[in-house]
């Protein structure tokens, strides 16, 4: 048993990636960091953000075969588990309190019993930890409140394809599966369709072993068509991500232009004398008004921002003159 376990942890040249709690923590922190940096647009992380996430996690675990697909797929698994819990408790359950130390929801036994009677799925969380719950609320809590980033049909198809790949199990999950004779450590992470499908890892053992066998016996032309369709899905996804980045860059650029415009000094290089002439200000008031305005940039700015039809009356009130059209 120990010999098998040792061989399963060898990652050089292998497609197996066993996610530990420490790796999960680093992955969630990397996602949260990119969100804080503003690299998430409309609930979707940009391609640049995903590259940064992979590089950040990979730098902490140099011996792990971490790539973009594995990181994304692992985060989807973490998100799905979090959502199962969050959807039960998100609106605040009377009698329940989140304990950040134990990372569990706590309540009296009677309170739990009432909840389980109403929502049987809540029983899962009576004695189960939810690691990084507060951080996941920051990442996905708002999505659950607004309905943003619900699983799309494309994501569902991708998830079902990848359910045959078990290369993303945690150590605790592997031990449980082995104890139940569901998998063994020699075939963990292997997939008959690994060349046909993308390499995104999955946490849970697949119940689709029979389907895997039948799929491997399909004609090569059928596999080629399916592989081509999958590649097209990936290409379309990349195009969408690129389009989102372009829109985000355009929005950022326009925002910067607006900020720059709002902070620009309107009095700089302004033709004060010409403005006074256009307002119909004549001698002897013209010289006095000119000296008055160039000495106080704040008053000049206020006059410039004033509606054109009100400027003369405002200026004359400052100079204690009546708005006499003969002047």
Protein backbone atom coordinates (compact mmCIF):
# COMPACT_ATOMS: atom_id res chain seq x y z
CA UNK A 1 0.00 0.00 0.00
CA UNK A 2 2.77 2.41 0.92
CA UNK A 3 4.58 1.55 -2.29
CA UNK A 4 1.54 2.44 -4.38
CA UNK A 5 0.95 5.66 -2.51
CA UNK A 6 4.54 6.70 -3.03
CA UNK A 7 4.37 6.10 -6.78
CA UNK A 8 1.15 8.08 -7.11
CA UNK A 9 2.84 11.18 -5.79
CA UNK A 10 5.47 11.24 -8.52
CA UNK A 11 4.60 14.11 -10.83
CA UNK A 12 7.52 14.22 -13.23
CA UNK A 13 6.14 13.39 -16.66
CA UNK A 14 2.71 12.59 -15.21
CA UNK A 15 -0.66 14.19 -15.79
CA UNK A 16 -1.68 13.60 -12.19
CA UNK A 17 -2.13 16.66 -9.99
CA UNK A 18 -3.16 15.98 -6.40
CA UNK A 19 -4.50 19.17 -4.83
CA UNK A 20 -3.68 19.67 -1.17
CA UNK A 21 -5.33 22.09 1.24
CA UNK A 22 -2.29 24.36 0.99
CA UNK A 23 -2.63 24.45 -2.79
CA UNK A 24 -6.35 25.23 -2.48
CA UNK A 25 -5.55 28.09 -0.11
CA UNK A 26 -2.99 29.52 -2.53
CA UNK A 27 -5.37 29.17 -5.47
CA UNK A 28 -8.21 31.00 -3.71
CA UNK A 29 -5.82 33.74 -2.54
CA UNK A 30 -4.59 34.16 -6.12
CA UNK A 31 -8.13 34.52 -7.45
CA UNK A 32 -8.98 37.01 -4.72
CA UNK A 33 -5.80 38.97 -5.45
CA UNK A 34 -6.68 39.31 -9.13
CA UNK A 35 -10.21 40.41 -8.24
CA UNK A 36 -8.80 43.05 -5.90
CA UNK A 37 -6.49 44.23 -8.70
CA UNK A 38 -9.55 44.83 -10.89
CA UNK A 39 -8.84 41.99 -13.32
CA UNK A 40 -12.37 40.65 -13.13
CA UNK A 41 -14.84 42.24 -15.55
CA UNK A 42 -18.57 41.54 -15.29
CA UNK A 43 -17.89 38.57 -13.02
CA UNK A 44 -15.38 37.05 -15.46
CA UNK A 45 -11.64 36.91 -14.88
CA UNK A 46 -9.60 38.15 -17.83
CA UNK A 47 -7.12 35.94 -19.65
CA UNK A 48 -4.32 38.01 -18.15
CA UNK A 49 -5.74 37.42 -14.67
CA UNK A 50 -5.88 33.65 -15.19
CA UNK A 51 -2.27 33.65 -16.36
CA UNK A 52 -1.28 35.59 -13.24
CA UNK A 53 -3.21 33.13 -11.05
CA UNK A 54 -1.45 30.12 -12.55
CA UNK A 55 1.97 31.76 -12.24
CA UNK A 56 1.32 32.74 -8.62
CA UNK A 57 0.25 29.24 -7.56
CA UNK A 58 2.92 27.52 -9.63
CA UNK A 59 5.63 29.66 -8.02
CA UNK A 60 4.64 28.27 -4.61
CA UNK A 61 4.44 24.63 -5.72
CA UNK A 62 7.21 24.12 -8.24
CA UNK A 63 6.91 20.33 -8.12
CA UNK A 64 3.23 20.32 -9.14
CA UNK A 65 2.07 20.14 -12.80
CA UNK A 66 -0.23 23.16 -12.47
CA UNK A 67 -1.54 24.78 -15.63
CA UNK A 68 -4.42 27.06 -16.58
CA UNK A 69 -6.93 24.26 -17.18
CA UNK A 70 -6.18 22.47 -13.92
CA UNK A 71 -6.39 25.71 -11.95
CA UNK A 72 -9.71 26.68 -13.52
CA UNK A 73 -11.15 23.22 -13.10
CA UNK A 74 -10.06 22.99 -9.47
CA UNK A 75 -11.65 26.37 -8.76
CA UNK A 76 -14.90 25.20 -10.34
CA UNK A 77 -14.93 22.22 -7.98
CA UNK A 78 -14.25 24.44 -4.96
CA UNK A 79 -16.97 26.84 -6.11
CA UNK A 80 -19.56 24.09 -6.56
CA UNK A 81 -18.95 22.76 -3.04
CA UNK A 82 -19.10 26.29 -1.61
CA UNK A 83 -22.34 27.08 -3.45
CA UNK A 84 -24.05 23.98 -2.05
CA UNK A 85 -23.40 25.35 1.42
CA UNK A 86 -23.81 29.05 0.67
CA UNK A 87 -27.23 28.63 -0.95
CA UNK A 88 -28.55 27.15 2.28
CA UNK A 89 -27.21 29.78 4.67
CA UNK A 90 -26.79 32.88 2.45
CA UNK A 91 -29.88 34.74 3.69
CA UNK A 92 -29.06 34.20 7.35
CA UNK A 93 -30.54 31.27 9.23
CA UNK A 94 -32.03 31.94 12.65
CA UNK A 95 -30.04 30.17 15.34
CA UNK A 96 -26.99 29.56 13.15
CA UNK A 97 -23.60 31.21 13.45
CA UNK A 98 -20.49 30.84 11.33
CA UNK A 99 -17.38 29.89 13.30
CA UNK A 100 -14.24 31.00 11.42
CA UNK A 101 -12.03 28.90 13.69
CA UNK A 102 -13.74 25.57 13.10
CA UNK A 103 -14.83 26.70 9.62
CA UNK A 104 -18.29 25.27 10.24
CA UNK A 105 -21.85 26.44 10.77
CA UNK A 106 -22.87 26.00 14.42
CA UNK A 107 -26.31 25.72 15.99
CA UNK A 108 -28.17 23.77 18.64
CA UNK A 109 -29.15 20.21 17.73
CA UNK A 110 -32.84 21.10 17.65
CA UNK A 111 -32.17 23.98 15.26
CA UNK A 112 -30.22 21.69 12.96
CA UNK A 113 -33.01 19.13 13.08
CA UNK A 114 -35.62 21.67 12.01
CA UNK A 115 -33.42 22.84 9.13
CA UNK A 116 -32.69 19.31 7.94
CA UNK A 117 -36.40 18.50 7.96
CA UNK A 118 -37.01 21.51 5.70
CA UNK A 119 -33.82 21.11 3.65
CA UNK A 120 -32.42 17.56 3.80
CA UNK A 121 -29.31 18.67 1.88
CA UNK A 122 -28.30 20.76 4.91
CA UNK A 123 -27.31 17.58 6.77
CA UNK A 124 -24.09 17.53 4.76
CA UNK A 125 -22.84 20.64 6.57
CA UNK A 126 -23.66 19.63 10.12
CA UNK A 127 -20.18 18.16 10.66
CA UNK A 128 -18.35 19.32 7.55
CA UNK A 129 -15.83 22.13 7.26
CA UNK A 130 -15.97 24.74 4.51
CA UNK A 131 -12.45 26.00 4.07
CA UNK A 132 -11.90 29.66 3.09
CA UNK A 133 -15.64 30.36 3.37
CA UNK A 134 -15.25 34.12 3.91
CA UNK A 135 -12.90 34.45 0.93
CA UNK A 136 -15.25 32.46 -1.29
CA UNK A 137 -18.11 34.74 -0.23
CA UNK A 138 -16.04 37.67 -1.52
CA UNK A 139 -15.44 35.85 -4.79
CA UNK A 140 -18.84 34.31 -5.46
CA UNK A 141 -21.34 35.56 -2.87
CA UNK A 142 -22.41 38.50 -5.01
CA UNK A 143 -22.79 36.21 -8.02
CA UNK A 144 -25.27 34.07 -6.10
CA UNK A 145 -27.21 37.15 -5.04
CA UNK A 146 -27.53 38.58 -8.56
CA UNK A 147 -27.55 35.41 -10.61
CA UNK A 148 -24.37 36.42 -12.42
CA UNK A 149 -22.04 33.65 -13.52
CA UNK A 150 -24.57 30.87 -13.19
CA UNK A 151 -23.38 27.73 -14.93
CA UNK A 152 -23.96 28.08 -18.65
CA UNK A 153 -24.84 25.25 -21.00
CA UNK A 154 -21.29 25.31 -22.36
CA UNK A 155 -19.85 25.08 -18.85
CA UNK A 156 -22.20 22.22 -18.05
CA UNK A 157 -21.09 20.27 -21.12
CA UNK A 158 -17.47 20.90 -20.26
CA UNK A 159 -18.03 19.78 -16.65
CA UNK A 160 -19.70 16.56 -17.76
CA UNK A 161 -16.87 15.81 -20.15
CA UNK A 162 -14.32 16.31 -17.42
CA UNK A 163 -16.13 14.21 -14.86
CA UNK A 164 -14.32 11.23 -16.37
CA UNK A 165 -10.97 12.73 -15.30
CA UNK A 166 -10.08 12.16 -11.66
CA UNK A 167 -6.67 13.83 -11.60
CA UNK A 168 -7.67 16.59 -9.20
CA UNK A 169 -8.41 14.77 -5.95
CA UNK A 170 -7.35 15.95 -2.53
CA UNK A 171 -5.44 13.56 -0.31
CA UNK A 172 -8.42 13.08 2.00
CA UNK A 173 -10.73 12.32 -0.93
CA UNK A 174 -8.26 9.82 -2.37
CA UNK A 175 -8.04 7.95 0.94
CA UNK A 176 -11.83 7.78 1.10
CA UNK A 177 -12.15 6.49 -2.46
CA UNK A 178 -9.45 3.88 -1.91
CA UNK A 179 -11.10 2.69 1.31
CA UNK A 180 -14.35 2.23 -0.61
CA UNK A 181 -12.54 0.37 -3.43
CA UNK A 182 -13.82 3.01 -5.82
CA UNK A 183 -10.37 3.67 -7.24
CA UNK A 184 -6.84 2.50 -6.61
CA UNK A 185 -3.72 4.59 -6.53
CA UNK A 186 -2.32 3.02 -9.67
CA UNK A 187 -5.12 4.12 -11.98
CA UNK A 188 -5.80 7.42 -10.20
CA UNK A 189 -5.71 10.30 -12.68
CA UNK A 190 -5.74 8.06 -15.75
CA UNK A 191 -8.40 8.62 -18.39
CA UNK A 192 -8.95 6.59 -21.56
CA UNK A 193 -10.06 9.78 -23.29
CA UNK A 194 -7.22 11.96 -22.08
CA UNK A 195 -6.14 12.61 -25.69
CA UNK A 196 -9.69 13.35 -26.77
CA UNK A 197 -10.68 15.76 -24.04
CA UNK A 198 -8.92 18.72 -22.47
CA UNK A 199 -6.76 18.15 -19.39
CA UNK A 200 -8.89 19.86 -16.78
CA UNK A 201 -8.69 17.98 -13.46
CA UNK A 202 -11.65 16.77 -11.40
CA UNK A 203 -11.95 16.19 -7.67
CA UNK A 204 -14.39 13.31 -7.51
CA UNK A 205 -14.16 9.79 -8.93
CA UNK A 206 -16.26 9.35 -12.05
CA UNK A 207 -19.23 6.96 -12.07
CA UNK A 208 -18.91 6.77 -15.87
CA UNK A 209 -16.32 4.00 -16.25
CA UNK A 210 -18.57 1.97 -18.56
CA UNK A 211 -19.13 4.97 -20.80
CA UNK A 212 -15.40 5.60 -20.91
CA UNK A 213 -14.76 2.09 -22.21
CA UNK A 214 -17.39 2.36 -24.92
CA UNK A 215 -16.09 5.75 -25.96
CA UNK A 216 -12.55 4.43 -26.45
CA UNK A 217 -13.94 1.78 -28.83
CA UNK A 218 -15.62 4.38 -31.06
CA UNK A 219 -14.27 4.82 -34.61
CA UNK A 220 -11.35 7.18 -34.92
CA UNK A 221 -13.35 9.49 -37.20
CA UNK A 222 -15.95 9.94 -34.46
CA UNK A 223 -13.28 10.78 -31.92
CA UNK A 224 -11.73 13.23 -34.37
CA UNK A 225 -15.05 15.02 -34.87
CA UNK A 226 -15.68 15.23 -31.15
CA UNK A 227 -12.15 16.49 -30.52
CA UNK A 228 -12.63 19.10 -33.22
CA UNK A 229 -15.88 20.23 -31.60
CA UNK A 230 -14.19 20.56 -28.23
CA UNK A 231 -11.38 22.59 -29.75
CA UNK A 232 -13.94 24.86 -31.38
CA UNK A 233 -15.59 25.41 -27.98
CA UNK A 234 -12.21 26.31 -26.50
CA UNK A 235 -11.45 28.68 -29.41
CA UNK A 236 -14.82 30.38 -28.99
CA UNK A 237 -14.17 30.74 -25.28
CA UNK A 238 -10.80 32.37 -25.97
CA UNK A 239 -12.43 34.75 -28.45
CA UNK A 240 -15.05 35.75 -25.90
CA UNK A 241 -12.38 36.31 -23.26
CA UNK A 242 -10.37 38.42 -25.70
CA UNK A 243 -13.44 40.48 -26.58
CA UNK A 244 -14.14 41.05 -22.89
CA UNK A 245 -10.57 42.24 -22.37
CA UNK A 246 -10.89 44.68 -25.28
CA UNK A 247 -14.11 46.10 -23.87
CA UNK A 248 -12.56 46.34 -20.41
CA UNK A 249 -9.52 48.19 -21.78
CA UNK A 250 -11.79 50.59 -23.68
CA UNK A 251 -13.84 51.28 -20.57
CA UNK A 252 -10.69 51.86 -18.54
CA UNK A 253 -9.29 54.23 -21.17
CA UNK A 254 -12.52 56.23 -21.37
CA UNK A 255 -12.67 56.42 -17.59
CA UNK A 256 -9.13 57.75 -17.46
CA UNK A 257 -10.03 60.36 -20.07
CA UNK A 258 -13.04 61.47 -18.04
CA UNK A 259 -10.95 61.70 -14.89
CA UNK A 260 -8.30 63.68 -16.73
CA UNK A 261 -10.92 66.02 -18.16
CA UNK A 262 -12.48 66.59 -14.75
CA UNK A 263 -9.12 67.47 -13.20
CA UNK A 264 -7.92 69.76 -16.02
CA UNK A 265 -7.57 73.43 -15.09
CA UNK A 266 -10.11 75.27 -17.31
CA UNK A 267 -8.30 78.58 -16.78
CA UNK A 268 -5.04 77.39 -18.34
CA UNK A 269 -4.31 79.27 -21.59
CA UNK A 270 -7.82 80.75 -21.46
CA UNK A 271 -8.47 83.94 -23.45
CA UNK A 272 -9.88 86.07 -20.62
CA UNK A 273 -9.76 89.31 -22.59
CA UNK A 274 -11.61 87.75 -25.52
CA UNK A 275 -14.27 86.33 -23.21
CA UNK A 276 -14.88 89.77 -21.67
CA UNK A 277 -15.21 91.33 -25.12
CA UNK A 278 -17.68 88.61 -26.13
CA UNK A 279 -19.73 89.34 -23.01
CA UNK A 280 -20.02 92.98 -24.13
CA UNK A 281 -17.81 94.39 -21.39
CA UNK A 282 -16.27 97.67 -22.57
CA UNK A 283 -14.02 100.40 -21.18
CA UNK A 284 -13.52 101.51 -18.45
CA UNK A 285 -14.90 98.30 -16.86
CA UNK A 286 -12.99 96.02 -19.24
CA UNK A 287 -9.56 96.68 -17.74
CA UNK A 288 -10.81 96.42 -14.18
CA UNK A 289 -12.63 93.14 -14.88
CA UNK A 290 -9.55 91.70 -16.58
CA UNK A 291 -7.26 92.53 -13.65
CA UNK A 292 -9.88 91.20 -11.23
CA UNK A 293 -10.14 87.81 -12.93
CA UNK A 294 -6.46 87.13 -13.61
CA UNK A 295 -5.63 87.77 -9.94
CA UNK A 296 -8.03 85.06 -8.70
CA UNK A 297 -8.02 81.80 -10.66
CA UNK A 298 -10.87 80.38 -8.57
CA UNK A 299 -13.18 83.24 -9.52
CA UNK A 300 -12.12 82.91 -13.16
CA UNK A 301 -12.86 79.18 -13.08
CA UNK A 302 -16.24 79.84 -11.49
CA UNK A 303 -17.10 82.36 -14.19
CA UNK A 304 -16.03 79.99 -16.98
CA UNK A 305 -18.16 77.18 -15.57
CA UNK A 306 -21.15 79.50 -15.26
CA UNK A 307 -23.76 79.28 -18.07
CA UNK A 308 -22.90 81.72 -20.85
CA UNK A 309 -26.12 83.72 -20.54
CA UNK A 310 -25.47 84.33 -16.83
CA UNK A 311 -21.79 85.21 -16.97
CA UNK A 312 -22.09 88.97 -17.50
CA UNK A 313 -24.58 89.48 -14.68
CA UNK A 314 -22.42 87.40 -12.34
CA UNK A 315 -19.24 89.31 -13.24
CA UNK A 316 -20.90 92.70 -12.81
CA UNK A 317 -22.26 91.65 -9.42
CA UNK A 318 -18.71 90.84 -8.34
CA UNK A 319 -17.57 94.24 -9.61
CA UNK A 320 -20.56 96.05 -8.00
CA UNK A 321 -21.87 97.30 -11.35
CA UNK A 322 -25.41 97.03 -12.69
CA UNK A 323 -25.99 95.04 -15.85
CA UNK A 324 -26.37 98.10 -18.03
CA UNK A 325 -26.41 97.16 -21.74
CA UNK A 326 -24.78 100.51 -22.57
CA UNK A 327 -21.61 99.48 -20.74
